[in-house]
N, C-alpha and C. Protein backbone atom coordinates (compact mmCIF):
# COMPACT_ATOMS: atom_id res chain seq x y z
N MET A 1 -63.08 -84.20 -27.68
CA MET A 1 -62.98 -83.27 -26.57
C MET A 1 -64.30 -83.14 -25.82
N PHE A 2 -64.04 -83.10 -24.63
CA PHE A 2 -65.25 -83.12 -23.58
C PHE A 2 -65.69 -81.50 -23.57
N PRO A 3 -66.90 -81.14 -23.01
CA PRO A 3 -67.31 -79.84 -23.05
C PRO A 3 -66.61 -79.11 -21.84
N SER A 4 -66.16 -80.01 -20.97
CA SER A 4 -65.46 -79.39 -19.75
C SER A 4 -63.92 -78.85 -20.19
N SER A 5 -63.47 -79.10 -21.25
CA SER A 5 -62.26 -78.67 -21.68
C SER A 5 -62.41 -77.34 -22.44
N TYR A 6 -63.36 -76.89 -22.80
CA TYR A 6 -63.65 -75.53 -23.41
C TYR A 6 -63.27 -74.50 -22.57
N THR A 7 -62.66 -73.33 -23.02
CA THR A 7 -62.51 -72.15 -22.43
C THR A 7 -63.10 -71.12 -22.97
N PHE A 8 -64.11 -70.53 -22.38
CA PHE A 8 -64.96 -69.58 -22.68
C PHE A 8 -64.24 -68.10 -22.56
N GLN A 9 -64.27 -67.19 -23.09
CA GLN A 9 -63.65 -65.75 -22.55
C GLN A 9 -64.97 -64.83 -22.60
N TYR A 10 -64.99 -64.13 -21.75
CA TYR A 10 -66.13 -63.38 -21.33
C TYR A 10 -65.55 -61.92 -22.02
N ASN A 11 -66.70 -61.28 -22.93
CA ASN A 11 -66.17 -60.11 -23.57
C ASN A 11 -67.69 -59.24 -23.08
N PRO A 12 -67.25 -58.08 -22.33
CA PRO A 12 -68.29 -57.29 -21.98
C PRO A 12 -68.76 -56.65 -23.09
N GLU A 13 -68.14 -56.28 -24.03
CA GLU A 13 -68.50 -55.49 -25.24
C GLU A 13 -69.75 -55.91 -25.93
N ASN A 14 -70.05 -57.12 -25.87
CA ASN A 14 -71.21 -57.82 -26.82
C ASN A 14 -72.27 -57.72 -25.87
N LEU A 15 -72.41 -57.20 -24.53
CA LEU A 15 -73.49 -57.20 -23.68
C LEU A 15 -74.73 -56.28 -24.35
N HIS A 16 -74.41 -55.17 -24.95
CA HIS A 16 -75.29 -54.40 -25.48
C HIS A 16 -76.04 -54.87 -26.87
N THR A 17 -75.55 -56.00 -27.51
CA THR A 17 -76.24 -56.52 -28.41
C THR A 17 -77.50 -57.35 -28.11
N PHE A 18 -77.48 -57.60 -26.92
CA PHE A 18 -78.71 -58.37 -26.34
C PHE A 18 -79.51 -57.63 -25.52
N SER A 19 -79.27 -56.45 -25.19
CA SER A 19 -80.14 -55.61 -24.41
C SER A 19 -81.00 -54.73 -25.49
N TYR A 20 -82.15 -54.22 -24.77
CA TYR A 20 -82.98 -53.40 -25.60
C TYR A 20 -83.01 -52.12 -25.10
N VAL A 21 -82.74 -50.94 -25.76
CA VAL A 21 -82.54 -49.72 -25.56
C VAL A 21 -83.94 -48.78 -26.17
N PHE A 22 -84.44 -48.44 -25.27
CA PHE A 22 -85.71 -48.10 -25.50
C PHE A 22 -85.65 -46.71 -26.46
N SER A 23 -86.53 -46.44 -27.59
CA SER A 23 -86.37 -45.29 -28.34
C SER A 23 -87.55 -44.81 -28.83
N LEU A 24 -87.62 -43.53 -28.86
CA LEU A 24 -88.90 -43.08 -29.34
C LEU A 24 -89.08 -43.15 -31.00
N ASP A 25 -87.98 -43.26 -31.65
CA ASP A 25 -88.14 -43.58 -32.99
C ASP A 25 -88.98 -44.78 -33.37
N ASP A 26 -88.87 -45.90 -32.60
CA ASP A 26 -89.46 -46.92 -32.66
C ASP A 26 -90.97 -47.03 -32.42
N THR A 27 -91.67 -45.87 -31.67
CA THR A 27 -92.84 -45.69 -31.25
C THR A 27 -93.60 -44.70 -31.96
N PHE A 28 -92.87 -43.87 -33.03
CA PHE A 28 -93.48 -42.84 -33.56
C PHE A 28 -94.68 -43.34 -34.59
N VAL A 29 -94.30 -44.39 -35.53
CA VAL A 29 -95.19 -44.90 -36.37
C VAL A 29 -96.40 -45.53 -35.65
N PRO A 30 -96.30 -46.36 -34.60
CA PRO A 30 -97.32 -46.98 -33.91
C PRO A 30 -98.19 -45.82 -33.32
N LEU A 31 -97.68 -44.84 -32.79
CA LEU A 31 -98.42 -43.57 -31.98
C LEU A 31 -99.24 -43.01 -32.97
N ILE A 32 -98.69 -42.94 -34.40
CA ILE A 32 -99.61 -42.16 -35.43
C ILE A 32 -100.79 -43.01 -35.68
N ILE A 33 -100.52 -44.34 -35.97
CA ILE A 33 -101.68 -45.22 -36.27
C ILE A 33 -102.59 -45.29 -35.13
N LEU A 34 -102.09 -45.20 -33.83
CA LEU A 34 -103.15 -45.24 -32.92
C LEU A 34 -104.10 -43.78 -32.85
N TRP A 35 -103.36 -42.65 -33.17
CA TRP A 35 -104.12 -41.56 -32.98
C TRP A 35 -105.06 -41.51 -34.11
N ILE A 36 -104.63 -42.11 -35.39
CA ILE A 36 -105.61 -42.09 -36.44
C ILE A 36 -106.86 -43.08 -36.18
N ILE A 37 -106.53 -44.14 -35.37
CA ILE A 37 -107.59 -45.05 -35.12
C ILE A 37 -108.71 -44.30 -33.91
N VAL A 38 -108.33 -43.52 -33.02
CA VAL A 38 -108.89 -43.00 -32.18
C VAL A 38 -109.77 -41.82 -32.82
N PHE A 39 -109.04 -41.28 -33.75
CA PHE A 39 -109.76 -40.15 -34.44
C PHE A 39 -110.90 -40.47 -35.09
N TYR A 40 -110.77 -41.82 -35.94
CA TYR A 40 -111.74 -42.45 -36.71
C TYR A 40 -112.99 -42.97 -35.61
N VAL A 41 -112.40 -43.68 -34.69
CA VAL A 41 -113.48 -43.85 -33.87
C VAL A 41 -114.40 -42.66 -33.19
N CYS A 42 -113.74 -41.68 -33.01
CA CYS A 42 -114.28 -40.40 -32.32
C CYS A 42 -115.24 -39.91 -33.48
N ILE A 43 -114.95 -39.90 -34.61
CA ILE A 43 -115.74 -39.53 -35.89
C ILE A 43 -116.81 -40.43 -35.88
N TYR A 44 -116.70 -41.62 -35.88
CA TYR A 44 -117.79 -42.72 -36.00
C TYR A 44 -118.89 -42.38 -35.08
N PHE A 45 -118.45 -42.17 -33.86
CA PHE A 45 -119.40 -42.12 -32.79
C PHE A 45 -120.16 -40.59 -32.72
N LEU A 46 -119.37 -39.57 -32.92
CA LEU A 46 -119.71 -38.27 -33.05
C LEU A 46 -120.24 -37.65 -34.26
N ALA A 47 -120.05 -38.45 -35.47
CA ALA A 47 -120.85 -37.93 -36.48
C ALA A 47 -122.22 -37.74 -36.67
N PRO A 48 -123.28 -38.68 -36.02
CA PRO A 48 -124.40 -38.50 -35.97
C PRO A 48 -124.86 -37.15 -35.23
N TYR A 49 -124.09 -36.85 -34.21
CA TYR A 49 -124.56 -35.70 -33.49
C TYR A 49 -124.17 -34.41 -34.28
N ILE A 50 -123.09 -34.50 -34.97
CA ILE A 50 -122.52 -33.41 -35.66
C ILE A 50 -123.32 -32.99 -36.83
N TYR A 51 -124.02 -34.27 -37.54
CA TYR A 51 -124.82 -34.04 -38.54
C TYR A 51 -126.22 -33.63 -38.17
N SER A 52 -126.70 -33.96 -36.87
CA SER A 52 -128.00 -33.50 -36.51
C SER A 52 -127.80 -32.02 -35.92
N PHE A 53 -126.66 -31.59 -35.58
CA PHE A 53 -126.37 -30.14 -35.33
C PHE A 53 -126.64 -29.25 -36.48
N PHE A 54 -125.79 -29.82 -37.59
CA PHE A 54 -125.93 -28.88 -38.72
C PHE A 54 -127.31 -28.82 -39.34
N ILE A 55 -128.14 -29.97 -39.38
CA ILE A 55 -129.40 -29.93 -39.76
C ILE A 55 -130.27 -29.26 -39.08
N ASP A 56 -130.19 -29.06 -37.66
CA ASP A 56 -130.99 -28.39 -36.91
C ASP A 56 -130.72 -26.86 -36.92
N ARG A 57 -129.23 -26.36 -37.34
CA ARG A 57 -128.95 -25.17 -37.48
C ARG A 57 -129.56 -24.80 -38.88
N GLU A 58 -129.47 -25.57 -39.79
CA GLU A 58 -129.98 -25.15 -41.04
C GLU A 58 -131.60 -24.95 -41.07
N GLN A 59 -132.20 -25.74 -40.31
CA GLN A 59 -133.76 -25.48 -40.23
C GLN A 59 -134.03 -24.44 -39.30
N LYS A 60 -133.22 -23.85 -38.28
CA LYS A 60 -133.51 -22.83 -37.64
C LYS A 60 -133.14 -21.72 -38.53
N GLN A 61 -132.02 -21.68 -39.49
CA GLN A 61 -132.03 -20.48 -40.45
C GLN A 61 -133.17 -20.25 -41.29
N VAL A 62 -133.61 -21.54 -41.69
CA VAL A 62 -134.72 -21.32 -42.63
C VAL A 62 -136.06 -20.67 -41.91
N LYS A 63 -136.03 -21.07 -40.58
CA LYS A 63 -137.37 -20.66 -39.79
C LYS A 63 -137.10 -19.23 -39.65
N GLU A 64 -136.01 -19.07 -39.26
CA GLU A 64 -135.83 -17.39 -38.90
C GLU A 64 -135.79 -16.66 -40.26
N ALA A 65 -135.44 -17.11 -41.53
CA ALA A 65 -135.57 -16.33 -42.71
C ALA A 65 -137.26 -15.97 -43.13
N LYS A 66 -138.02 -17.15 -42.80
CA LYS A 66 -139.35 -17.08 -42.93
C LYS A 66 -139.89 -16.09 -41.99
N ARG A 67 -139.47 -16.22 -40.80
CA ARG A 67 -140.12 -15.21 -39.73
C ARG A 67 -139.55 -13.85 -40.17
N ASN A 68 -138.64 -13.59 -40.63
CA ASN A 68 -138.13 -12.17 -41.16
C ASN A 68 -138.91 -11.75 -42.46
N ILE A 69 -139.30 -12.66 -43.06
CA ILE A 69 -140.28 -12.20 -44.34
C ILE A 69 -141.37 -11.94 -43.87
N ILE A 70 -142.10 -12.66 -42.85
CA ILE A 70 -143.42 -12.41 -42.51
C ILE A 70 -143.43 -10.99 -41.75
N LYS A 71 -142.54 -10.94 -40.92
CA LYS A 71 -142.47 -9.53 -40.09
C LYS A 71 -142.17 -8.40 -41.19
N ASN A 72 -141.43 -8.54 -42.38
CA ASN A 72 -141.47 -7.38 -43.29
C ASN A 72 -142.69 -7.38 -43.92
N LEU A 73 -143.41 -8.27 -44.41
CA LEU A 73 -144.82 -8.18 -44.86
C LEU A 73 -145.85 -7.45 -43.90
N ILE A 74 -145.91 -7.79 -42.71
CA ILE A 74 -146.59 -7.11 -41.91
C ILE A 74 -146.25 -5.67 -41.92
N LEU A 75 -145.05 -5.35 -41.54
CA LEU A 75 -144.52 -4.04 -41.81
C LEU A 75 -145.09 -3.15 -43.07
N MET A 76 -144.97 -4.08 -44.19
CA MET A 76 -145.26 -3.30 -45.51
C MET A 76 -146.69 -3.04 -45.20
N LYS A 77 -147.62 -3.98 -44.80
CA LYS A 77 -148.91 -3.67 -44.90
C LYS A 77 -149.51 -2.84 -43.83
N GLU A 78 -148.50 -2.65 -42.96
CA GLU A 78 -148.95 -1.33 -41.89
C GLU A 78 -148.64 0.05 -42.63
N VAL A 79 -147.35 -0.16 -43.49
CA VAL A 79 -146.91 1.19 -44.08
C VAL A 79 -148.04 1.58 -45.06
N GLN A 80 -148.55 0.75 -45.62
CA GLN A 80 -149.39 0.92 -46.87
C GLN A 80 -150.83 1.18 -46.29
N GLY A 81 -151.27 0.86 -45.16
CA GLY A 81 -152.59 1.26 -44.46
C GLY A 81 -152.37 2.73 -44.08
N GLU A 82 -151.14 2.98 -43.66
CA GLU A 82 -150.75 4.37 -43.11
C GLU A 82 -150.83 5.49 -44.42
N LEU A 83 -150.20 4.84 -45.44
CA LEU A 83 -150.37 5.70 -46.69
C LEU A 83 -151.33 6.11 -47.35
N GLU A 84 -152.58 5.09 -47.20
CA GLU A 84 -153.75 5.08 -47.63
C GLU A 84 -154.40 6.10 -46.83
N LYS A 85 -154.35 6.08 -45.56
CA LYS A 85 -155.04 6.96 -44.77
C LYS A 85 -154.58 8.45 -45.16
N GLU A 86 -153.22 8.60 -45.28
CA GLU A 86 -152.80 9.94 -45.65
C GLU A 86 -153.37 10.30 -46.95
N ILE A 87 -153.20 9.50 -47.86
CA ILE A 87 -153.75 9.84 -49.16
C ILE A 87 -155.47 10.28 -48.95
N GLU A 88 -156.22 9.64 -48.35
CA GLU A 88 -157.51 9.98 -47.96
C GLU A 88 -157.67 11.25 -47.30
N GLN A 89 -156.76 11.54 -46.35
CA GLN A 89 -156.79 12.92 -45.64
C GLN A 89 -156.27 13.94 -46.55
N SER A 90 -155.43 13.72 -47.30
CA SER A 90 -154.90 14.78 -48.42
C SER A 90 -156.18 15.16 -49.33
N LEU A 91 -156.71 13.91 -49.76
CA LEU A 91 -157.77 14.09 -50.81
C LEU A 91 -159.10 14.95 -50.02
N LEU A 92 -159.52 14.62 -48.73
CA LEU A 92 -160.56 15.26 -48.09
C LEU A 92 -160.03 16.72 -47.91
N ASN A 93 -158.81 17.10 -47.55
CA ASN A 93 -158.47 18.32 -47.61
C ASN A 93 -158.45 19.07 -48.75
N ILE A 94 -158.08 18.41 -49.90
CA ILE A 94 -158.12 19.20 -51.16
C ILE A 94 -159.67 19.51 -51.48
N THR A 95 -160.57 18.68 -51.39
CA THR A 95 -161.88 18.77 -51.44
C THR A 95 -162.41 19.94 -50.54
N LEU A 96 -162.17 19.90 -49.43
CA LEU A 96 -162.74 20.96 -48.76
C LEU A 96 -162.23 22.39 -48.77
N GLN A 97 -160.82 22.45 -49.35
CA GLN A 97 -160.15 23.62 -49.71
C GLN A 97 -160.94 24.08 -50.91
N GLY A 98 -161.17 23.22 -51.85
CA GLY A 98 -161.89 23.64 -53.17
C GLY A 98 -163.19 24.07 -53.01
N LYS A 99 -163.86 23.56 -51.87
CA LYS A 99 -165.34 24.11 -51.64
C LYS A 99 -165.19 25.43 -51.05
N GLY A 100 -164.18 25.65 -50.21
CA GLY A 100 -164.16 26.86 -49.23
C GLY A 100 -163.89 27.99 -50.36
N THR A 101 -163.25 27.94 -51.35
CA THR A 101 -162.81 29.04 -52.15
C THR A 101 -163.89 29.50 -53.23
């Protein structure tokens, strides 16, 4: 038989088997993988800055704590000086009152 003697029938129902229908179900996993890759790349480039921010914040907290301790010590020294002056004044008043009687 020669190829010219074949008879082909056209069946339009089979057309959808060769066409591609776009579906979001097929892109769900690649999008998740893409977002994970983007997330890790961002972390890779931003991690040193985030780390230095936390180190800087910790150093500022330590510095502020030491500054507060120094302020409290100065305040305690001033209070102690005022108490010593009041004690001296009261002792002078007692000795003066004792001599006056």
